[in-house]
Amino acid sequence: MRWWWALVLLALGLVFFSPKAASSSLQKADWIVVLGAAQYNGEPSDIFRNRLEAALRLYRQGYAPRIAVTGGRRPGDRFSEGEVGCQYLQARKVPRSTLYCEQQSRRTVENLTNIAPIIGKSSVIIVTDEPHLPRALILAEQIGIRASGFAVRGQFKESYWQRESWLAILARLGVR
């Protein structure tokens, strides 16, 4: 039973002490990076829409002059998450010239790996759900992306929190 508590403490340490996981100390950056989430026939899911709306607020508040939206297609999809996200932002008056629409990735590590050559050594604000942010920041750090994060809050299922906590532990241990 002692090993269980050790594992819980390790998990808490890895999640809560991940790099720049707090949104409260947000600073200006070169890019806002929206991690993809589901889209349905060209419309963002509620989760994806919340991420896009958060990025839009940050953009309008002057936190970064450019936005990268990531996410590919699932089998059978007509649209990619990146494409749908960019269209959503353009419809809300974000100029196309300020957007980068990554359309190949299907996992968080791919989202970040695929945009790394585009953003180079620039600083970024990663926008994703509160349970997902610690893992995203850990992966960004490992890839060499200078990132802070903005946590999109919501009513997330306990299973989502648990899954992301375990995946953050694995990411910290180098498992992608």
N, C-alpha and C. Protein backbone atom coordinates (compact mmCIF):
# COMPACT_ATOMS: atom_id res chain seq x y z
N MET A 1 0.81 -1.19 0.00
CA MET A 1 0.00 0.00 0.00
C MET A 1 0.87 1.26 0.00
N ARG A 2 2.06 1.15 0.58
CA ARG A 2 2.96 2.30 0.63
C ARG A 2 3.36 2.76 -0.77
N TRP A 3 3.54 1.83 -1.68
CA TRP A 3 3.91 2.19 -3.06
C TRP A 3 2.82 3.01 -3.72
N TRP A 4 1.56 2.75 -3.36
CA TRP A 4 0.44 3.50 -3.94
C TRP A 4 0.53 4.98 -3.55
N TRP A 5 0.81 5.25 -2.27
CA TRP A 5 0.94 6.63 -1.82
C TRP A 5 2.16 7.30 -2.43
N ALA A 6 3.22 6.55 -2.59
CA ALA A 6 4.41 7.11 -3.25
C ALA A 6 4.09 7.50 -4.68
N LEU A 7 3.34 6.68 -5.36
CA LEU A 7 2.94 6.95 -6.74
C LEU A 7 2.02 8.18 -6.81
N VAL A 8 1.10 8.29 -5.87
CA VAL A 8 0.20 9.45 -5.83
C VAL A 8 1.00 10.73 -5.60
N LEU A 9 1.94 10.71 -4.66
CA LEU A 9 2.77 11.89 -4.40
C LEU A 9 3.63 12.24 -5.60
N LEU A 10 4.16 11.24 -6.27
CA LEU A 10 4.94 11.48 -7.48
C LEU A 10 4.06 12.13 -8.54
N ALA A 11 2.86 11.62 -8.71
CA ALA A 11 1.94 12.18 -9.70
C ALA A 11 1.62 13.63 -9.40
N LEU A 12 1.32 13.92 -8.16
CA LEU A 12 1.00 15.30 -7.78
C LEU A 12 2.19 16.22 -8.02
N GLY A 13 3.36 15.75 -7.66
CA GLY A 13 4.56 16.55 -7.88
C GLY A 13 4.81 16.83 -9.36
N LEU A 14 4.67 15.80 -10.17
CA LEU A 14 4.92 15.98 -11.60
C LEU A 14 3.89 16.87 -12.26
N VAL A 15 2.66 16.76 -11.85
CA VAL A 15 1.61 17.56 -12.46
C VAL A 15 1.65 19.00 -11.97
N PHE A 16 1.70 19.19 -10.65
CA PHE A 16 1.62 20.54 -10.12
C PHE A 16 2.91 21.33 -10.24
N PHE A 17 4.01 20.67 -10.44
CA PHE A 17 5.27 21.38 -10.60
C PHE A 17 5.79 21.28 -12.03
N SER A 18 4.87 21.13 -12.96
CA SER A 18 5.26 21.15 -14.37
C SER A 18 5.59 22.58 -14.76
N PRO A 19 6.33 22.79 -15.81
CA PRO A 19 6.79 24.13 -16.16
C PRO A 19 5.65 25.08 -16.48
N LYS A 20 5.64 26.24 -15.82
CA LYS A 20 4.72 27.34 -16.10
C LYS A 20 3.27 26.91 -16.30
N ALA A 21 2.77 26.03 -15.45
CA ALA A 21 1.41 25.52 -15.62
C ALA A 21 0.34 26.50 -15.16
N ALA A 22 0.71 27.55 -14.49
CA ALA A 22 -0.29 28.49 -13.99
C ALA A 22 -0.61 29.55 -15.04
N SER A 23 -1.90 29.78 -15.27
CA SER A 23 -2.33 30.80 -16.22
C SER A 23 -2.29 32.19 -15.62
N SER A 24 -2.22 32.28 -14.30
CA SER A 24 -2.30 33.58 -13.64
C SER A 24 -1.11 34.48 -13.94
N SER A 25 0.03 33.93 -14.27
CA SER A 25 1.22 34.72 -14.53
C SER A 25 1.50 34.83 -16.03
N LEU A 26 0.46 34.92 -16.81
CA LEU A 26 0.59 34.95 -18.26
C LEU A 26 1.33 36.19 -18.72
N GLN A 27 2.28 35.98 -19.62
CA GLN A 27 3.06 37.08 -20.18
C GLN A 27 2.93 37.06 -21.69
N LYS A 28 3.22 38.18 -22.31
CA LYS A 28 3.13 38.27 -23.76
C LYS A 28 4.10 37.28 -24.41
N ALA A 29 3.72 36.82 -25.60
CA ALA A 29 4.53 35.85 -26.33
C ALA A 29 4.45 36.18 -27.81
N ASP A 30 5.15 35.38 -28.61
CA ASP A 30 5.15 35.57 -30.06
C ASP A 30 3.98 34.85 -30.73
N TRP A 31 3.54 33.75 -30.13
CA TRP A 31 2.48 32.92 -30.70
C TRP A 31 1.52 32.47 -29.62
N ILE A 32 0.29 32.29 -30.01
CA ILE A 32 -0.69 31.54 -29.23
C ILE A 32 -0.87 30.23 -29.98
N VAL A 33 -0.76 29.12 -29.30
CA VAL A 33 -0.91 27.80 -29.93
C VAL A 33 -2.13 27.13 -29.35
N VAL A 34 -3.11 26.88 -30.21
CA VAL A 34 -4.34 26.20 -29.80
C VAL A 34 -4.20 24.73 -30.15
N LEU A 35 -4.23 23.88 -29.15
CA LEU A 35 -4.15 22.44 -29.41
C LEU A 35 -5.51 21.95 -29.90
N GLY A 36 -5.48 21.13 -30.92
CA GLY A 36 -6.70 20.66 -31.57
C GLY A 36 -7.57 19.81 -30.66
N ALA A 37 -8.82 19.78 -31.02
CA ALA A 37 -9.82 18.92 -30.37
C ALA A 37 -10.83 18.59 -31.46
N ALA A 38 -11.78 17.80 -31.15
CA ALA A 38 -12.71 17.29 -32.16
C ALA A 38 -13.43 18.41 -32.92
N GLN A 39 -13.72 18.09 -34.17
CA GLN A 39 -14.58 18.92 -35.00
C GLN A 39 -15.58 17.99 -35.66
N TYR A 40 -16.75 18.51 -35.90
CA TYR A 40 -17.82 17.70 -36.48
C TYR A 40 -18.33 18.36 -37.76
N ASN A 41 -17.95 17.79 -38.88
CA ASN A 41 -18.39 18.27 -40.18
C ASN A 41 -18.15 19.77 -40.37
N GLY A 42 -16.97 20.22 -39.95
CA GLY A 42 -16.60 21.61 -40.15
C GLY A 42 -16.94 22.54 -39.00
N GLU A 43 -17.52 22.02 -37.93
CA GLU A 43 -17.86 22.82 -36.75
C GLU A 43 -17.04 22.33 -35.56
N PRO A 44 -16.43 23.26 -34.83
CA PRO A 44 -15.66 22.81 -33.66
C PRO A 44 -16.56 22.24 -32.58
N SER A 45 -16.07 21.20 -31.91
CA SER A 45 -16.78 20.65 -30.74
C SER A 45 -16.82 21.74 -29.66
N ASP A 46 -17.60 21.53 -28.63
CA ASP A 46 -17.68 22.51 -27.54
C ASP A 46 -16.30 22.73 -26.91
N ILE A 47 -15.58 21.65 -26.69
CA ILE A 47 -14.23 21.76 -26.10
C ILE A 47 -13.32 22.57 -27.01
N PHE A 48 -13.33 22.27 -28.30
CA PHE A 48 -12.48 22.98 -29.25
C PHE A 48 -12.91 24.46 -29.32
N ARG A 49 -14.20 24.71 -29.37
CA ARG A 49 -14.70 26.08 -29.42
C ARG A 49 -14.24 26.87 -28.19
N ASN A 50 -14.28 26.25 -27.02
CA ASN A 50 -13.81 26.94 -25.82
C ASN A 50 -12.33 27.29 -25.91
N ARG A 51 -11.53 26.40 -26.46
CA ARG A 51 -10.10 26.68 -26.65
C ARG A 51 -9.92 27.84 -27.64
N LEU A 52 -10.67 27.80 -28.74
CA LEU A 52 -10.57 28.85 -29.75
C LEU A 52 -11.01 30.20 -29.20
N GLU A 53 -12.07 30.21 -28.42
CA GLU A 53 -12.56 31.46 -27.82
C GLU A 53 -11.53 32.02 -26.83
N ALA A 54 -10.88 31.15 -26.07
CA ALA A 54 -9.83 31.60 -25.15
C ALA A 54 -8.67 32.21 -25.93
N ALA A 55 -8.26 31.55 -27.01
CA ALA A 55 -7.18 32.08 -27.84
C ALA A 55 -7.57 33.42 -28.46
N LEU A 56 -8.80 33.52 -28.89
CA LEU A 56 -9.29 34.77 -29.48
C LEU A 56 -9.23 35.90 -28.45
N ARG A 57 -9.65 35.64 -27.22
CA ARG A 57 -9.57 36.66 -26.17
C ARG A 57 -8.11 37.08 -25.92
N LEU A 58 -7.22 36.10 -25.85
CA LEU A 58 -5.80 36.42 -25.63
C LEU A 58 -5.24 37.25 -26.79
N TYR A 59 -5.60 36.87 -28.00
CA TYR A 59 -5.15 37.60 -29.19
C TYR A 59 -5.65 39.05 -29.16
N ARG A 60 -6.92 39.22 -28.87
CA ARG A 60 -7.51 40.57 -28.83
C ARG A 60 -6.96 41.41 -27.68
N GLN A 61 -6.51 40.75 -26.62
CA GLN A 61 -5.91 41.46 -25.48
C GLN A 61 -4.43 41.76 -25.72
N GLY A 62 -3.91 41.34 -26.87
CA GLY A 62 -2.54 41.66 -27.24
C GLY A 62 -1.47 40.76 -26.66
N TYR A 63 -1.86 39.56 -26.22
CA TYR A 63 -0.86 38.65 -25.66
C TYR A 63 0.10 38.09 -26.70
N ALA A 64 -0.33 37.98 -27.94
CA ALA A 64 0.54 37.51 -29.03
C ALA A 64 -0.05 37.97 -30.36
N PRO A 65 0.81 38.24 -31.34
CA PRO A 65 0.32 38.72 -32.64
C PRO A 65 -0.07 37.62 -33.62
N ARG A 66 0.25 36.36 -33.28
CA ARG A 66 -0.04 35.26 -34.20
C ARG A 66 -0.64 34.08 -33.45
N ILE A 67 -1.45 33.31 -34.19
CA ILE A 67 -2.10 32.13 -33.61
C ILE A 67 -1.83 30.93 -34.51
N ALA A 68 -1.39 29.84 -33.90
CA ALA A 68 -1.26 28.56 -34.62
C ALA A 68 -2.35 27.64 -34.07
N VAL A 69 -3.11 27.03 -34.98
CA VAL A 69 -4.14 26.08 -34.60
C VAL A 69 -3.70 24.72 -35.12
N THR A 70 -3.71 23.72 -34.25
CA THR A 70 -3.20 22.41 -34.62
C THR A 70 -4.31 21.37 -34.69
N GLY A 71 -4.06 20.32 -35.44
CA GLY A 71 -4.97 19.18 -35.45
C GLY A 71 -5.29 18.67 -36.83
N GLY A 72 -5.16 17.38 -36.98
CA GLY A 72 -5.43 16.73 -38.26
C GLY A 72 -6.85 16.21 -38.37
N ARG A 73 -6.98 15.17 -39.16
CA ARG A 73 -8.28 14.54 -39.43
C ARG A 73 -8.31 13.15 -38.84
N ARG A 74 -9.47 12.76 -38.42
CA ARG A 74 -9.70 11.36 -38.07
C ARG A 74 -10.15 10.66 -39.33
N PRO A 75 -10.02 9.35 -39.39
CA PRO A 75 -10.48 8.63 -40.59
C PRO A 75 -11.95 8.97 -40.89
N GLY A 76 -12.21 9.32 -42.13
CA GLY A 76 -13.56 9.65 -42.56
C GLY A 76 -13.92 11.12 -42.46
N ASP A 77 -13.10 11.92 -41.78
CA ASP A 77 -13.39 13.35 -41.67
C ASP A 77 -13.12 14.06 -42.99
N ARG A 78 -13.94 15.04 -43.29
CA ARG A 78 -13.73 15.89 -44.47
C ARG A 78 -12.84 17.08 -44.14
N PHE A 79 -12.79 17.45 -42.87
CA PHE A 79 -12.06 18.64 -42.45
C PHE A 79 -11.05 18.28 -41.36
N SER A 80 -9.98 19.05 -41.30
CA SER A 80 -9.02 18.88 -40.21
C SER A 80 -9.38 19.84 -39.08
N GLU A 81 -8.92 19.53 -37.90
CA GLU A 81 -9.15 20.40 -36.75
C GLU A 81 -8.47 21.75 -36.98
N GLY A 82 -7.24 21.73 -37.51
CA GLY A 82 -6.53 22.98 -37.77
C GLY A 82 -7.27 23.87 -38.76
N GLU A 83 -7.79 23.27 -39.79
CA GLU A 83 -8.55 24.00 -40.80
C GLU A 83 -9.82 24.61 -40.20
N VAL A 84 -10.56 23.82 -39.45
CA VAL A 84 -11.80 24.28 -38.84
C VAL A 84 -11.51 25.39 -37.83
N GLY A 85 -10.46 25.22 -37.04
CA GLY A 85 -10.10 26.24 -36.06
C GLY A 85 -9.71 27.56 -36.72
N CYS A 86 -8.94 27.49 -37.79
CA CYS A 86 -8.56 28.72 -38.49
C CYS A 86 -9.77 29.39 -39.12
N GLN A 87 -10.67 28.61 -39.69
CA GLN A 87 -11.89 29.19 -40.27
C GLN A 87 -12.74 29.87 -39.19
N TYR A 88 -12.82 29.24 -38.04
CA TYR A 88 -13.57 29.79 -36.91
C TYR A 88 -12.99 31.16 -36.53
N LEU A 89 -11.67 31.23 -36.41
CA LEU A 89 -11.03 32.48 -36.01
C LEU A 89 -11.14 33.54 -37.10
N GLN A 90 -11.00 33.14 -38.35
CA GLN A 90 -11.16 34.09 -39.46
C GLN A 90 -12.57 34.68 -39.48
N ALA A 91 -13.56 33.86 -39.19
CA ALA A 91 -14.95 34.34 -39.16
C ALA A 91 -15.15 35.36 -38.04
N ARG A 92 -14.23 35.41 -37.09
CA ARG A 92 -14.30 36.36 -35.99
C ARG A 92 -13.26 37.46 -36.17
N LYS A 93 -12.89 37.69 -37.41
CA LYS A 93 -12.05 38.83 -37.82
C LYS A 93 -10.57 38.73 -37.47
N VAL A 94 -10.07 37.52 -37.26
CA VAL A 94 -8.62 37.35 -37.12
C VAL A 94 -8.07 37.25 -38.54
N PRO A 95 -7.14 38.13 -38.91
CA PRO A 95 -6.62 38.10 -40.28
C PRO A 95 -5.91 36.78 -40.61
N ARG A 96 -6.15 36.28 -41.78
CA ARG A 96 -5.54 35.03 -42.24
C ARG A 96 -4.01 35.10 -42.15
N SER A 97 -3.46 36.28 -42.37
CA SER A 97 -2.00 36.45 -42.35
C SER A 97 -1.40 36.22 -40.97
N THR A 98 -2.21 36.26 -39.93
CA THR A 98 -1.71 36.04 -38.57
C THR A 98 -1.90 34.60 -38.10
N LEU A 99 -2.49 33.76 -38.95
CA LEU A 99 -2.80 32.38 -38.58
C LEU A 99 -1.88 31.38 -39.25
N TYR A 100 -1.56 30.32 -38.52
CA TYR A 100 -0.90 29.15 -39.10
C TYR A 100 -1.80 27.96 -38.78
N CYS A 101 -2.16 27.20 -39.79
CA CYS A 101 -3.11 26.10 -39.63
C CYS A 101 -2.41 24.77 -39.88
N GLU A 102 -1.98 24.13 -38.80
CA GLU A 102 -1.32 22.83 -38.88
C GLU A 102 -2.43 21.79 -39.02
N GLN A 103 -2.31 20.87 -39.99
CA GLN A 103 -3.42 19.98 -40.31
C GLN A 103 -3.07 18.49 -40.35
N GLN A 104 -1.92 18.10 -39.83
CA GLN A 104 -1.51 16.71 -39.93
C GLN A 104 -1.52 15.94 -38.61
N SER A 105 -1.42 16.62 -37.49
CA SER A 105 -1.22 15.95 -36.20
C SER A 105 -2.51 15.33 -35.67
N ARG A 106 -2.32 14.24 -34.91
CA ARG A 106 -3.47 13.57 -34.30
C ARG A 106 -3.28 13.34 -32.80
N ARG A 107 -2.11 13.72 -32.30
CA ARG A 107 -1.81 13.55 -30.88
C ARG A 107 -1.10 14.81 -30.39
N THR A 108 -1.12 15.04 -29.10
CA THR A 108 -0.51 16.24 -28.52
C THR A 108 0.95 16.38 -28.91
N VAL A 109 1.72 15.32 -28.81
CA VAL A 109 3.14 15.41 -29.14
C VAL A 109 3.32 15.78 -30.62
N GLU A 110 2.44 15.29 -31.49
CA GLU A 110 2.51 15.66 -32.90
C GLU A 110 2.10 17.11 -33.11
N ASN A 111 1.08 17.58 -32.38
CA ASN A 111 0.68 19.00 -32.46
C ASN A 111 1.91 19.87 -32.26
N LEU A 112 2.64 19.58 -31.20
CA LEU A 112 3.78 20.41 -30.83
C LEU A 112 4.99 20.19 -31.74
N THR A 113 5.26 18.96 -32.08
CA THR A 113 6.40 18.66 -32.96
C THR A 113 6.20 19.31 -34.33
N ASN A 114 4.98 19.28 -34.84
CA ASN A 114 4.72 19.82 -36.17
C ASN A 114 4.79 21.34 -36.23
N ILE A 115 4.52 22.02 -35.13
CA ILE A 115 4.62 23.47 -35.17
C ILE A 115 5.99 23.99 -34.78
N ALA A 116 6.81 23.14 -34.17
CA ALA A 116 8.14 23.58 -33.72
C ALA A 116 8.96 24.24 -34.83
N PRO A 117 9.02 23.68 -36.04
CA PRO A 117 9.80 24.36 -37.08
C PRO A 117 9.20 25.71 -37.50
N ILE A 118 7.92 25.87 -37.34
CA ILE A 118 7.25 27.12 -37.73
C ILE A 118 7.52 28.21 -36.71
N ILE A 119 7.43 27.88 -35.43
CA ILE A 119 7.62 28.90 -34.40
C ILE A 119 9.09 29.13 -34.07
N GLY A 120 9.94 28.17 -34.40
CA GLY A 120 11.37 28.33 -34.13
C GLY A 120 11.65 28.56 -32.66
N LYS A 121 12.41 29.60 -32.37
CA LYS A 121 12.80 29.92 -30.98
C LYS A 121 11.82 30.90 -30.33
N SER A 122 10.70 31.15 -30.97
CA SER A 122 9.70 32.08 -30.45
C SER A 122 9.09 31.55 -29.16
N SER A 123 8.55 32.47 -28.39
CA SER A 123 7.82 32.08 -27.18
C SER A 123 6.35 31.86 -27.55
N VAL A 124 5.72 30.93 -26.85
CA VAL A 124 4.32 30.60 -27.15
C VAL A 124 3.50 30.50 -25.88
N ILE A 125 2.21 30.70 -26.05
CA ILE A 125 1.22 30.43 -25.01
C ILE A 125 0.40 29.27 -25.54
N ILE A 126 0.46 28.14 -24.85
CA ILE A 126 -0.33 26.98 -25.26
C ILE A 126 -1.71 27.09 -24.62
N VAL A 127 -2.74 27.00 -25.46
CA VAL A 127 -4.11 27.05 -24.98
C VAL A 127 -4.72 25.67 -25.10
N THR A 128 -5.10 25.12 -23.96
CA THR A 128 -5.78 23.83 -23.94
C THR A 128 -6.55 23.71 -22.63
N ASP A 129 -7.24 22.60 -22.46
CA ASP A 129 -8.04 22.38 -21.26
C ASP A 129 -7.17 22.28 -20.02
N GLU A 130 -7.74 22.67 -18.90
CA GLU A 130 -7.03 22.64 -17.63
C GLU A 130 -6.42 21.28 -17.31
N PRO A 131 -7.13 20.16 -17.49
CA PRO A 131 -6.50 18.87 -17.19
C PRO A 131 -5.36 18.52 -18.15
N HIS A 132 -5.41 19.02 -19.37
CA HIS A 132 -4.46 18.67 -20.43
C HIS A 132 -3.20 19.54 -20.38
N LEU A 133 -3.29 20.72 -19.82
CA LEU A 133 -2.19 21.68 -19.89
C LEU A 133 -0.87 21.20 -19.29
N PRO A 134 -0.85 20.59 -18.10
CA PRO A 134 0.45 20.16 -17.57
C PRO A 134 1.20 19.22 -18.52
N ARG A 135 0.51 18.26 -19.10
CA ARG A 135 1.17 17.33 -20.03
C ARG A 135 1.65 18.07 -21.27
N ALA A 136 0.84 18.97 -21.79
CA ALA A 136 1.23 19.73 -22.98
C ALA A 136 2.49 20.54 -22.70
N LEU A 137 2.58 21.14 -21.53
CA LEU A 137 3.77 21.93 -21.19
C LEU A 137 5.00 21.05 -21.00
N ILE A 138 4.82 19.88 -20.42
CA ILE A 138 5.94 18.95 -20.27
C ILE A 138 6.46 18.55 -21.65
N LEU A 139 5.56 18.19 -22.56
CA LEU A 139 5.98 17.80 -23.92
C LEU A 139 6.63 18.96 -24.64
N ALA A 140 6.09 20.16 -24.50
CA ALA A 140 6.69 21.33 -25.15
C ALA A 140 8.12 21.54 -24.67
N GLU A 141 8.31 21.43 -23.38
CA GLU A 141 9.64 21.58 -22.80
C GLU A 141 10.61 20.54 -23.39
N GLN A 142 10.16 19.30 -23.48
CA GLN A 142 11.02 18.24 -24.02
C GLN A 142 11.36 18.46 -25.49
N ILE A 143 10.44 19.06 -26.24
CA ILE A 143 10.66 19.31 -27.67
C ILE A 143 11.54 20.54 -27.87
N GLY A 144 11.64 21.39 -26.85
CA GLY A 144 12.45 22.60 -26.95
C GLY A 144 11.65 23.85 -27.27
N ILE A 145 10.36 23.80 -27.03
CA ILE A 145 9.49 24.96 -27.26
C ILE A 145 9.42 25.77 -25.97
N ARG A 146 9.65 27.08 -26.09
CA ARG A 146 9.56 27.98 -24.93
C ARG A 146 8.09 28.32 -24.73
N ALA A 147 7.46 27.67 -23.77
CA ALA A 147 6.01 27.79 -23.63
C ALA A 147 5.57 28.11 -22.22
N SER A 148 4.52 28.92 -22.17
CA SER A 148 3.72 29.06 -20.96
C SER A 148 2.34 28.56 -21.35
N GLY A 149 1.43 28.52 -20.43
CA GLY A 149 0.14 27.95 -20.77
C GLY A 149 -1.04 28.76 -20.28
N PHE A 150 -2.14 28.60 -20.98
CA PHE A 150 -3.41 29.16 -20.56
C PHE A 150 -4.40 28.01 -20.43
N ALA A 151 -4.88 27.80 -19.22
CA ALA A 151 -5.79 26.69 -18.94
C ALA A 151 -7.23 27.11 -19.19
N VAL A 152 -7.89 26.41 -20.09
CA VAL A 152 -9.31 26.63 -20.33
C VAL A 152 -10.06 25.81 -19.30
N ARG A 153 -10.79 26.51 -18.47
CA ARG A 153 -11.53 25.83 -17.41
C ARG A 153 -12.86 25.33 -17.92
N GLY A 154 -13.41 24.36 -17.24
CA GLY A 154 -14.69 23.79 -17.63
C GLY A 154 -15.12 22.70 -16.68
N GLN A 155 -16.20 22.07 -17.01
CA GLN A 155 -16.74 20.96 -16.22
C GLN A 155 -16.23 19.66 -16.84
N PHE A 156 -15.05 19.25 -16.45
CA PHE A 156 -14.42 18.07 -17.02
C PHE A 156 -14.68 16.85 -16.14
N LYS A 157 -14.87 15.73 -16.77
CA LYS A 157 -15.10 14.48 -16.04
C LYS A 157 -13.86 14.11 -15.25
N GLU A 158 -14.11 13.47 -14.13
CA GLU A 158 -13.00 13.02 -13.28
C GLU A 158 -12.08 12.08 -14.05
N SER A 159 -12.64 11.26 -14.94
CA SER A 159 -11.82 10.33 -15.72
C SER A 159 -10.84 11.08 -16.62
N TYR A 160 -11.23 12.25 -17.12
CA TYR A 160 -10.33 13.07 -17.95
C TYR A 160 -9.16 13.58 -17.10
N TRP A 161 -9.46 14.08 -15.91
CA TRP A 161 -8.41 14.53 -15.00
C TRP A 161 -7.43 13.38 -14.67
N GLN A 162 -7.98 12.22 -14.37
CA GLN A 162 -7.14 11.08 -14.02
C GLN A 162 -6.27 10.65 -15.20
N ARG A 163 -6.89 10.53 -16.37
CA ARG A 163 -6.16 10.13 -17.57
C ARG A 163 -4.99 11.08 -17.84
N GLU A 164 -5.28 12.38 -17.79
CA GLU A 164 -4.24 13.37 -18.07
C GLU A 164 -3.15 13.38 -17.01
N SER A 165 -3.52 13.12 -15.77
CA SER A 165 -2.50 13.04 -14.71
C SER A 165 -1.53 11.90 -14.98
N TRP A 166 -2.07 10.74 -15.33
CA TRP A 166 -1.21 9.59 -15.64
C TRP A 166 -0.37 9.85 -16.89
N LEU A 167 -0.97 10.46 -17.90
CA LEU A 167 -0.22 10.75 -19.12
C LEU A 167 0.87 11.80 -18.86
N ALA A 168 0.62 12.72 -17.95
CA ALA A 168 1.65 13.70 -17.58
C ALA A 168 2.83 13.01 -16.89
N ILE A 169 2.52 12.05 -16.02
CA ILE A 169 3.60 11.29 -15.38
C ILE A 169 4.42 10.57 -16.43
N LEU A 170 3.76 9.90 -17.35
CA LEU A 170 4.47 9.19 -18.41
C LEU A 170 5.29 10.14 -19.26
N ALA A 171 4.72 11.30 -19.58
CA ALA A 171 5.46 12.30 -20.38
C ALA A 171 6.71 12.75 -19.63
N ARG A 172 6.57 13.01 -18.33
CA ARG A 172 7.74 13.44 -17.54
C ARG A 172 8.81 12.36 -17.52
N LEU A 173 8.37 11.11 -17.61
CA LEU A 173 9.32 9.98 -17.64
C LEU A 173 9.85 9.71 -19.05
N GLY A 174 9.39 10.50 -20.02
CA GLY A 174 9.90 10.38 -21.39
C GLY A 174 9.06 9.52 -22.31
N VAL A 175 7.93 9.04 -21.84
CA VAL A 175 7.04 8.23 -22.68
C VAL A 175 6.09 9.17 -23.40
N ARG A 176 6.09 9.09 -24.71
CA ARG A 176 5.24 10.00 -25.47
C ARG A 176 4.12 9.22 -26.10
